[in-house]
C-alpha atoms as a PDB file:
ATOM      1  CA  UNK A   1      -0.262  -0.222  -0.151  1.00  0.00           C
ATOM      2  CA  UNK A   2       2.889   2.612   1.053  1.00  0.00           C
ATOM      3  CA  UNK A   3       4.889   1.762  -1.954  1.00  0.00           C
ATOM      4  CA  UNK A   4       1.114   2.528  -4.581  1.00  0.00           C
ATOM      5  CA  UNK A   5       0.758   5.275  -2.003  1.00  0.00           C
ATOM      6  CA  UNK A   6       4.322   6.939  -2.952  1.00  0.00           C
ATOM      7  CA  UNK A   7       3.969   6.417  -6.256  1.00  0.00           C
ATOM      8  CA  UNK A   8       1.249   8.437  -6.283  1.00  0.00           C
ATOM      9  CA  UNK A   9       3.061  11.492  -4.682  1.00  0.00           C
ATOM     10  CA  UNK A  10       5.288  14.433  -7.093  1.00  0.00           C
ATOM     11  CA  UNK A  11       8.909  12.447  -8.205  1.00  0.00           C
ATOM     12  CA  UNK A  12      11.721  14.091  -7.164  1.00  0.00           C
ATOM     13  CA  UNK A  13      12.284  15.485 -10.815  1.00  0.00           C
ATOM     14  CA  UNK A  14       9.477  16.802 -11.199  1.00  0.00           C
ATOM     15  CA  UNK A  15      10.929  19.931  -9.582  1.00  0.00           C
ATOM     16  CA  UNK A  16      13.675  19.992 -12.041  1.00  0.00           C
ATOM     17  CA  UNK A  17      10.772  20.043 -15.061  1.00  0.00           C
ATOM     18  CA  UNK A  18       8.938  23.023 -13.243  1.00  0.00           C
ATOM     19  CA  UNK A  19      12.166  24.806 -12.368  1.00  0.00           C
ATOM     20  CA  UNK A  20      13.461  24.322 -16.084  1.00  0.00           C
ATOM     21  CA  UNK A  21       9.726  25.681 -16.986  1.00  0.00           C
ATOM     22  CA  UNK A  22       9.776  28.657 -14.788  1.00  0.00           C
ATOM     23  CA  UNK A  23      12.753  29.457 -16.252  1.00  0.00           C
ATOM     24  CA  UNK A  24      11.614  29.738 -19.919  1.00  0.00           C
ATOM     25  CA  UNK A  25       8.842  31.530 -18.863  1.00  0.00           C
ATOM     26  CA  UNK A  26      11.676  34.041 -17.613  1.00  0.00           C
ATOM     27  CA  UNK A  27      13.404  34.473 -20.584  1.00  0.00           C
ATOM     28  CA  UNK A  28      10.342  34.696 -22.346  1.00  0.00           C
ATOM     29  CA  UNK A  29       8.960  37.601 -20.859  1.00  0.00           C
ATOM     30  CA  UNK A  30      12.578  39.263 -20.647  1.00  0.00           C
ATOM     31  CA  UNK A  31      12.556  38.726 -24.292  1.00  0.00           C
ATOM     32  CA  UNK A  32       8.812  40.722 -24.592  1.00  0.00           C
ATOM     33  CA  UNK A  33       9.878  43.149 -22.252  1.00  0.00           C
ATOM     34  CA  UNK A  34      13.222  44.091 -24.833  1.00  0.00           C
ATOM     35  CA  UNK A  35      10.945  44.318 -27.588  1.00  0.00           C
ATOM     36  CA  UNK A  36       8.517  46.349 -25.411  1.00  0.00           C
ATOM     37  CA  UNK A  37      11.385  48.946 -24.925  1.00  0.00           C
ATOM     38  CA  UNK A  38      11.729  49.535 -28.147  1.00  0.00           C
ATOM     39  CA  UNK A  39       9.137  51.346 -28.308  1.00  0.00           C
ATOM     40  CA  UNK A  40       6.407  52.378 -30.871  1.00  0.00           C
ATOM     41  CA  UNK A  41       2.884  50.403 -31.865  1.00  0.00           C
ATOM     42  CA  UNK A  42       3.904  47.147 -30.545  1.00  0.00           C
ATOM     43  CA  UNK A  43       4.370  48.176 -26.680  1.00  0.00           C
ATOM     44  CA  UNK A  44       0.532  47.267 -25.804  1.00  0.00           C
ATOM     45  CA  UNK A  45       0.876  43.438 -27.404  1.00  0.00           C
ATOM     46  CA  UNK A  46       3.693  43.114 -25.221  1.00  0.00           C
ATOM     47  CA  UNK A  47       2.601  44.527 -22.197  1.00  0.00           C
ATOM     48  CA  UNK A  48      -0.311  41.450 -23.147  1.00  0.00           C
ATOM     49  CA  UNK A  49       2.122  39.056 -23.431  1.00  0.00           C
ATOM     50  CA  UNK A  50       4.283  39.280 -20.272  1.00  0.00           C
ATOM     51  CA  UNK A  51       0.882  39.915 -18.130  1.00  0.00           C
ATOM     52  CA  UNK A  52      -0.465  36.450 -19.831  1.00  0.00           C
ATOM     53  CA  UNK A  53       3.679  34.732 -18.911  1.00  0.00           C
ATOM     54  CA  UNK A  54       3.473  36.393 -15.121  1.00  0.00           C
ATOM     55  CA  UNK A  55       0.327  34.827 -14.743  1.00  0.00           C
ATOM     56  CA  UNK A  56       1.909  30.957 -16.531  1.00  0.00           C
ATOM     57  CA  UNK A  57       5.004  31.844 -14.117  1.00  0.00           C
ATOM     58  CA  UNK A  58       2.363  31.615 -10.824  1.00  0.00           C
ATOM     59  CA  UNK A  59       1.006  28.558 -11.886  1.00  0.00           C
ATOM     60  CA  UNK A  60       4.091  26.710 -12.222  1.00  0.00           C
ATOM     61  CA  UNK A  61       4.963  28.586  -8.820  1.00  0.00           C
ATOM     62  CA  UNK A  62       1.890  26.925  -7.744  1.00  0.00           C
ATOM     63  CA  UNK A  63       2.433  23.460  -8.430  1.00  0.00           C
ATOM     64  CA  UNK A  64       6.488  23.401  -7.384  1.00  0.00           C
ATOM     65  CA  UNK A  65       4.654  24.585  -3.879  1.00  0.00           C
ATOM     66  CA  UNK A  66       2.418  21.974  -4.071  1.00  0.00           C
ATOM     67  CA  UNK A  67       4.848  19.463  -4.628  1.00  0.00           C
ATOM     68  CA  UNK A  68       7.012  20.426  -1.623  1.00  0.00           C
ATOM     69  CA  UNK A  69       3.818  19.429   0.872  1.00  0.00           C
ATOM     70  CA  UNK A  70       3.204  16.211  -0.774  1.00  0.00           C
ATOM     71  CA  UNK A  71       6.635  14.689  -1.826  1.00  0.00           C
ATOM     72  CA  UNK A  72       8.076  12.463   0.438  1.00  0.00           C
ATOM     73  CA  UNK A  73      12.113  13.238  -0.786  1.00  0.00           C
ATOM     74  CA  UNK A  74      12.880  16.612  -2.446  1.00  0.00           C
ATOM     75  CA  UNK A  75      16.117  16.905  -4.398  1.00  0.00           C
ATOM     76  CA  UNK A  76      17.866  19.476  -2.147  1.00  0.00           C
ATOM     77  CA  UNK A  77      16.244  21.113   1.079  1.00  0.00           C
ATOM     78  CA  UNK A  78      12.609  21.838   0.917  1.00  0.00           C
ATOM     79  CA  UNK A  79      13.108  25.912   1.696  1.00  0.00           C
ATOM     80  CA  UNK A  80      16.045  26.587  -0.536  1.00  0.00           C
ATOM     81  CA  UNK A  81      12.999  25.109  -3.150  1.00  0.00           C
ATOM     82  CA  UNK A  82      10.617  27.454  -2.318  1.00  0.00           C
ATOM     83  CA  UNK A  83      13.244  30.077  -2.090  1.00  0.00           C
ATOM     84  CA  UNK A  84      14.936  29.581  -5.480  1.00  0.00           C
ATOM     85  CA  UNK A  85      11.183  29.158  -7.480  1.00  0.00           C
ATOM     86  CA  UNK A  86       9.864  32.421  -4.632  1.00  0.00           C
ATOM     87  CA  UNK A  87      13.080  33.979  -6.385  1.00  0.00           C
ATOM     88  CA  UNK A  88      12.419  33.282 -10.142  1.00  0.00           C
ATOM     89  CA  UNK A  89       8.929  34.005  -9.643  1.00  0.00           C
ATOM     90  CA  UNK A  90       9.510  37.398  -8.408  1.00  0.00           C
ATOM     91  CA  UNK A  91      11.797  38.429 -11.587  1.00  0.00           C
ATOM     92  CA  UNK A  92       8.343  38.204 -13.442  1.00  0.00           C
ATOM     93  CA  UNK A  93       6.244  39.495 -10.678  1.00  0.00           C
ATOM     94  CA  UNK A  94       9.058  42.928 -11.215  1.00  0.00           C
ATOM     95  CA  UNK A  95       8.521  42.380 -15.540  1.00  0.00           C
ATOM     96  CA  UNK A  96       5.056  42.819 -14.743  1.00  0.00           C
ATOM     97  CA  UNK A  97       5.092  45.711 -12.303  1.00  0.00           C
ATOM     98  CA  UNK A  98       7.538  47.568 -15.155  1.00  0.00           C
ATOM     99  CA  UNK A  99       4.218  46.192 -17.597  1.00  0.00           C
ATOM    100  CA  UNK A 100       1.434  48.419 -14.712  1.00  0.00           C
ATOM    101  CA  UNK A 101       3.812  51.617 -15.148  1.00  0.00           C
ATOM    102  CA  UNK A 102       4.513  51.658 -18.407  1.00  0.00           C
ATOM    103  CA  UNK A 103       0.513  51.051 -19.456  1.00  0.00           C
ATOM    104  CA  UNK A 104      -0.944  53.418 -16.399  1.00  0.00           C
ATOM    105  CA  UNK A 105       1.418  56.445 -17.825  1.00  0.00           C
ATOM    106  CA  UNK A 106       0.750  55.536 -21.702  1.00  0.00           C
ATOM    107  CA  UNK A 107       4.620  54.933 -21.888  1.00  0.00           C
ATOM    108  CA  UNK A 108       5.338  55.132 -26.076  1.00  0.00           C
ATOM    109  CA  UNK A 109       8.845  55.676 -26.278  1.00  0.00           C
ATOM    110  CA  UNK A 110      12.002  54.570 -23.501  1.00  0.00           C
ATOM    111  CA  UNK A 111      15.347  56.533 -23.375  1.00  0.00           C
ATOM    112  CA  UNK A 112      18.344  54.586 -25.126  1.00  0.00           C
ATOM    113  CA  UNK A 113      19.653  53.406 -20.995  1.00  0.00           C
ATOM    114  CA  UNK A 114      16.272  51.888 -20.552  1.00  0.00           C
ATOM    115  CA  UNK A 115      16.469  49.555 -23.808  1.00  0.00           C
ATOM    116  CA  UNK A 116      19.890  48.199 -23.311  1.00  0.00           C
ATOM    117  CA  UNK A 117      18.382  47.579 -19.806  1.00  0.00           C
ATOM    118  CA  UNK A 118      16.536  45.234 -21.732  1.00  0.00           C
ATOM    119  CA  UNK A 119      19.533  43.910 -23.022  1.00  0.00           C
ATOM    120  CA  UNK A 120      20.699  42.893 -19.747  1.00  0.00           C
ATOM    121  CA  UNK A 121      16.922  41.636 -18.563  1.00  0.00           C
ATOM    122  CA  UNK A 122      17.786  39.091 -21.121  1.00  0.00           C
ATOM    123  CA  UNK A 123      21.278  38.122 -20.180  1.00  0.00           C
ATOM    124  CA  UNK A 124      20.547  37.412 -17.026  1.00  0.00           C
ATOM    125  CA  UNK A 125      17.154  35.592 -17.856  1.00  0.00           C
ATOM    126  CA  UNK A 126      19.493  33.173 -20.004  1.00  0.00           C
ATOM    127  CA  UNK A 127      21.566  32.974 -17.852  1.00  0.00           C
ATOM    128  CA  UNK A 128      19.028  31.506 -15.489  1.00  0.00           C
ATOM    129  CA  UNK A 129      17.651  29.222 -17.835  1.00  0.00           C
ATOM    130  CA  UNK A 130      21.124  27.740 -18.363  1.00  0.00           C
ATOM    131  CA  UNK A 131      21.743  27.310 -14.602  1.00  0.00           C
ATOM    132  CA  UNK A 132      18.440  25.732 -13.812  1.00  0.00           C
ATOM    133  CA  UNK A 133      19.343  22.426 -15.635  1.00  0.00           C
ATOM    134  CA  UNK A 134      22.328  21.706 -14.533  1.00  0.00           C
ATOM    135  CA  UNK A 135      21.315  21.951 -11.122  1.00  0.00           C
ATOM    136  CA  UNK A 136      20.031  18.293 -10.979  1.00  0.00           C
ATOM    137  CA  UNK A 137      23.494  16.786 -10.874  1.00  0.00           C
ATOM    138  CA  UNK A 138      24.867  19.510  -8.768  1.00  0.00           C
ATOM    139  CA  UNK A 139      28.611  17.331  -8.696  1.00  0.00           C
ATOM    140  CA  UNK A 140      29.626  17.541 -12.410  1.00  0.00           C
ATOM    141  CA  UNK A 141      27.746  20.904 -12.598  1.00  0.00           C
ATOM    142  CA  UNK A 142      29.519  22.890 -10.042  1.00  0.00           C
ATOM    143  CA  UNK A 143      31.990  25.007 -11.757  1.00  0.00           C
ATOM    144  CA  UNK A 144      29.848  26.369 -14.387  1.00  0.00           C
ATOM    145  CA  UNK A 145      27.293  27.477 -11.784  1.00  0.00           C
ATOM    146  CA  UNK A 146      29.545  29.395 -10.197  1.00  0.00           C
ATOM    147  CA  UNK A 147      30.407  30.557 -13.388  1.00  0.00           C
ATOM    148  CA  UNK A 148      26.724  31.521 -14.179  1.00  0.00           C
ATOM    149  CA  UNK A 149      25.983  33.213 -11.068  1.00  0.00           C
ATOM    150  CA  UNK A 150      29.755  35.781 -11.286  1.00  0.00           C
ATOM    151  CA  UNK A 151      28.605  36.430 -14.617  1.00  0.00           C
ATOM    152  CA  UNK A 152      24.853  37.345 -13.117  1.00  0.00           C
ATOM    153  CA  UNK A 153      26.174  39.596 -10.965  1.00  0.00           C
ATOM    154  CA  UNK A 154      28.418  41.419 -13.729  1.00  0.00           C
ATOM    155  CA  UNK A 155      25.125  41.585 -15.190  1.00  0.00           C
ATOM    156  CA  UNK A 156      23.872  42.970 -12.342  1.00  0.00           C
ATOM    157  CA  UNK A 157      26.574  45.943 -11.646  1.00  0.00           C
ATOM    158  CA  UNK A 158      26.069  46.485 -15.656  1.00  0.00           C
ATOM    159  CA  UNK A 159      22.308  47.095 -14.853  1.00  0.00           C
ATOM    160  CA  UNK A 160      23.281  49.592 -12.371  1.00  0.00           C
ATOM    161  CA  UNK A 161      25.876  51.689 -14.333  1.00  0.00           C
ATOM    162  CA  UNK A 162      22.819  51.984 -16.821  1.00  0.00           C
ATOM    163  CA  UNK A 163      20.409  52.773 -14.000  1.00  0.00           C
ATOM    164  CA  UNK A 164      22.545  55.450 -12.601  1.00  0.00           C
ATOM    165  CA  UNK A 165      24.088  57.118 -16.175  1.00  0.00           C
ATOM    166  CA  UNK A 166      20.153  56.915 -16.870  1.00  0.00           C
ATOM    167  CA  UNK A 167      18.811  58.926 -14.269  1.00  0.00           C
ATOM    168  CA  UNK A 168      21.062  61.493 -14.466  1.00  0.00           C
ATOM    169  CA  UNK A 169      20.554  61.563 -18.336  1.00  0.00           C
ATOM    170  CA  UNK A 170      16.633  61.906 -17.641  1.00  0.00           C
ATOM    171  CA  UNK A 171      17.261  64.880 -15.167  1.00  0.00           C
ATOM    172  CA  UNK A 172      19.204  66.392 -17.439  1.00  0.00           C
ATOM    173  CA  UNK A 173      16.419  66.293 -20.227  1.00  0.00           C
ATOM    174  CA  UNK A 174      13.726  67.213 -17.723  1.00  0.00           C
ATOM    175  CA  UNK A 175      14.734  67.138 -14.693  1.00  0.00           C
ATOM    176  CA  UNK A 176      13.557  70.758 -14.565  1.00  0.00           C
ATOM    177  CA  UNK A 177      11.426  71.220 -17.866  1.00  0.00           C
ATOM    178  CA  UNK A 178       9.446  68.517 -17.239  1.00  0.00           C
ATOM    179  CA  UNK A 179       8.928  67.176 -13.927  1.00  0.00           C
ATOM    180  CA  UNK A 180       6.509  64.798 -14.290  1.00  0.00           C
ATOM    181  CA  UNK A 181       8.408  63.072 -17.571  1.00  0.00           C
ATOM    182  CA  UNK A 182      11.386  62.803 -14.815  1.00  0.00           C
ATOM    183  CA  UNK A 183       9.485  61.285 -12.299  1.00  0.00           C
ATOM    184  CA  UNK A 184       8.022  58.758 -14.835  1.00  0.00           C
ATOM    185  CA  UNK A 185      11.470  57.381 -16.152  1.00  0.00           C
ATOM    186  CA  UNK A 186      12.566  57.224 -12.914  1.00  0.00           C
ATOM    187  CA  UNK A 187      10.231  55.104 -11.695  1.00  0.00           C
ATOM    188  CA  UNK A 188      11.127  53.263 -15.236  1.00  0.00           C
ATOM    189  CA  UNK A 189      14.551  53.011 -14.012  1.00  0.00           C
ATOM    190  CA  UNK A 190      14.480  52.100 -10.623  1.00  0.00           C
ATOM    191  CA  UNK A 191      11.900  49.170 -11.847  1.00  0.00           C
ATOM    192  CA  UNK A 192      14.637  47.380 -14.616  1.00  0.00           C
ATOM    193  CA  UNK A 193      17.072  47.673 -12.166  1.00  0.00           C
ATOM    194  CA  UNK A 194      14.489  45.660  -9.507  1.00  0.00           C
ATOM    195  CA  UNK A 195      13.826  43.237 -12.376  1.00  0.00           C
ATOM    196  CA  UNK A 196      18.012  42.349 -12.504  1.00  0.00           C
ATOM    197  CA  UNK A 197      18.073  42.193  -8.915  1.00  0.00           C
ATOM    198  CA  UNK A 198      15.792  39.526  -8.804  1.00  0.00           C
ATOM    199  CA  UNK A 199      17.628  37.598 -10.798  1.00  0.00           C
ATOM    200  CA  UNK A 200      20.609  38.035  -8.400  1.00  0.00           C
ATOM    201  CA  UNK A 201      18.207  36.889  -5.756  1.00  0.00           C
ATOM    202  CA  UNK A 202      18.128  33.146  -8.535  1.00  0.00           C
ATOM    203  CA  UNK A 203      22.506  33.454  -8.863  1.00  0.00           C
ATOM    204  CA  UNK A 204      22.643  34.201  -4.738  1.00  0.00           C
ATOM    205  CA  UNK A 205      20.131  31.169  -3.562  1.00  0.00           C
ATOM    206  CA  UNK A 206      21.929  28.599  -6.695  1.00  0.00           C
ATOM    207  CA  UNK A 207      24.969  29.184  -4.825  1.00  0.00           C
ATOM    208  CA  UNK A 208      23.651  28.574  -1.608  1.00  0.00           C
ATOM    209  CA  UNK A 209      22.325  25.435  -2.887  1.00  0.00           C
ATOM    210  CA  UNK A 210      25.864  24.666  -4.341  1.00  0.00           C
ATOM    211  CA  UNK A 211      27.057  25.503  -0.435  1.00  0.00           C
ATOM    212  CA  UNK A 212      24.963  23.256   1.375  1.00  0.00           C
ATOM    213  CA  UNK A 213      25.433  20.249  -1.175  1.00  0.00           C
ATOM    214  CA  UNK A 214      28.317  19.913  -2.728  1.00  0.00           C
END
């Protein structure tokens, strides 16, 4: 009887399937955000796309948390699983928040550093998507996982530079002549920076898993 019960519970590898699915959603969301920041007539379409992807990510997160509750055996500590999927979900939640600001203030054009930050976000998402499947075999992949975490840190540093430069240029352009434009622009810069910060959180979670399990 116990054997059949265990058979019905989530498999250990189910976690990796779900993590990988979520990471693919993150890449799709990042690519949609990058396209959104090009401006023009496609902004509204890309906003809708990110909102739909955020809903998909929430469903994957729900499945992971449910699997944690139901599983006898997990690939690593249950708390680490929860923290990892939550940090991943926070990244696309932050993309969604950026979309809300863009939609609320009907923005259809974006500053060059904002567009560059979109590219940086795609880089961070793709690094995350590369790292997640490697967690299934930590030992052989420890070197690459550590390298990816370091790359994400460098991407985050580049994001900080773009954020600071962009704010400075925005103030020069609008600071005294159009304060509202400056406020809206600075909010978008802040939210884009936080998207990258959330990917840094994912990298930190991965580093923590390595420390505890290798």
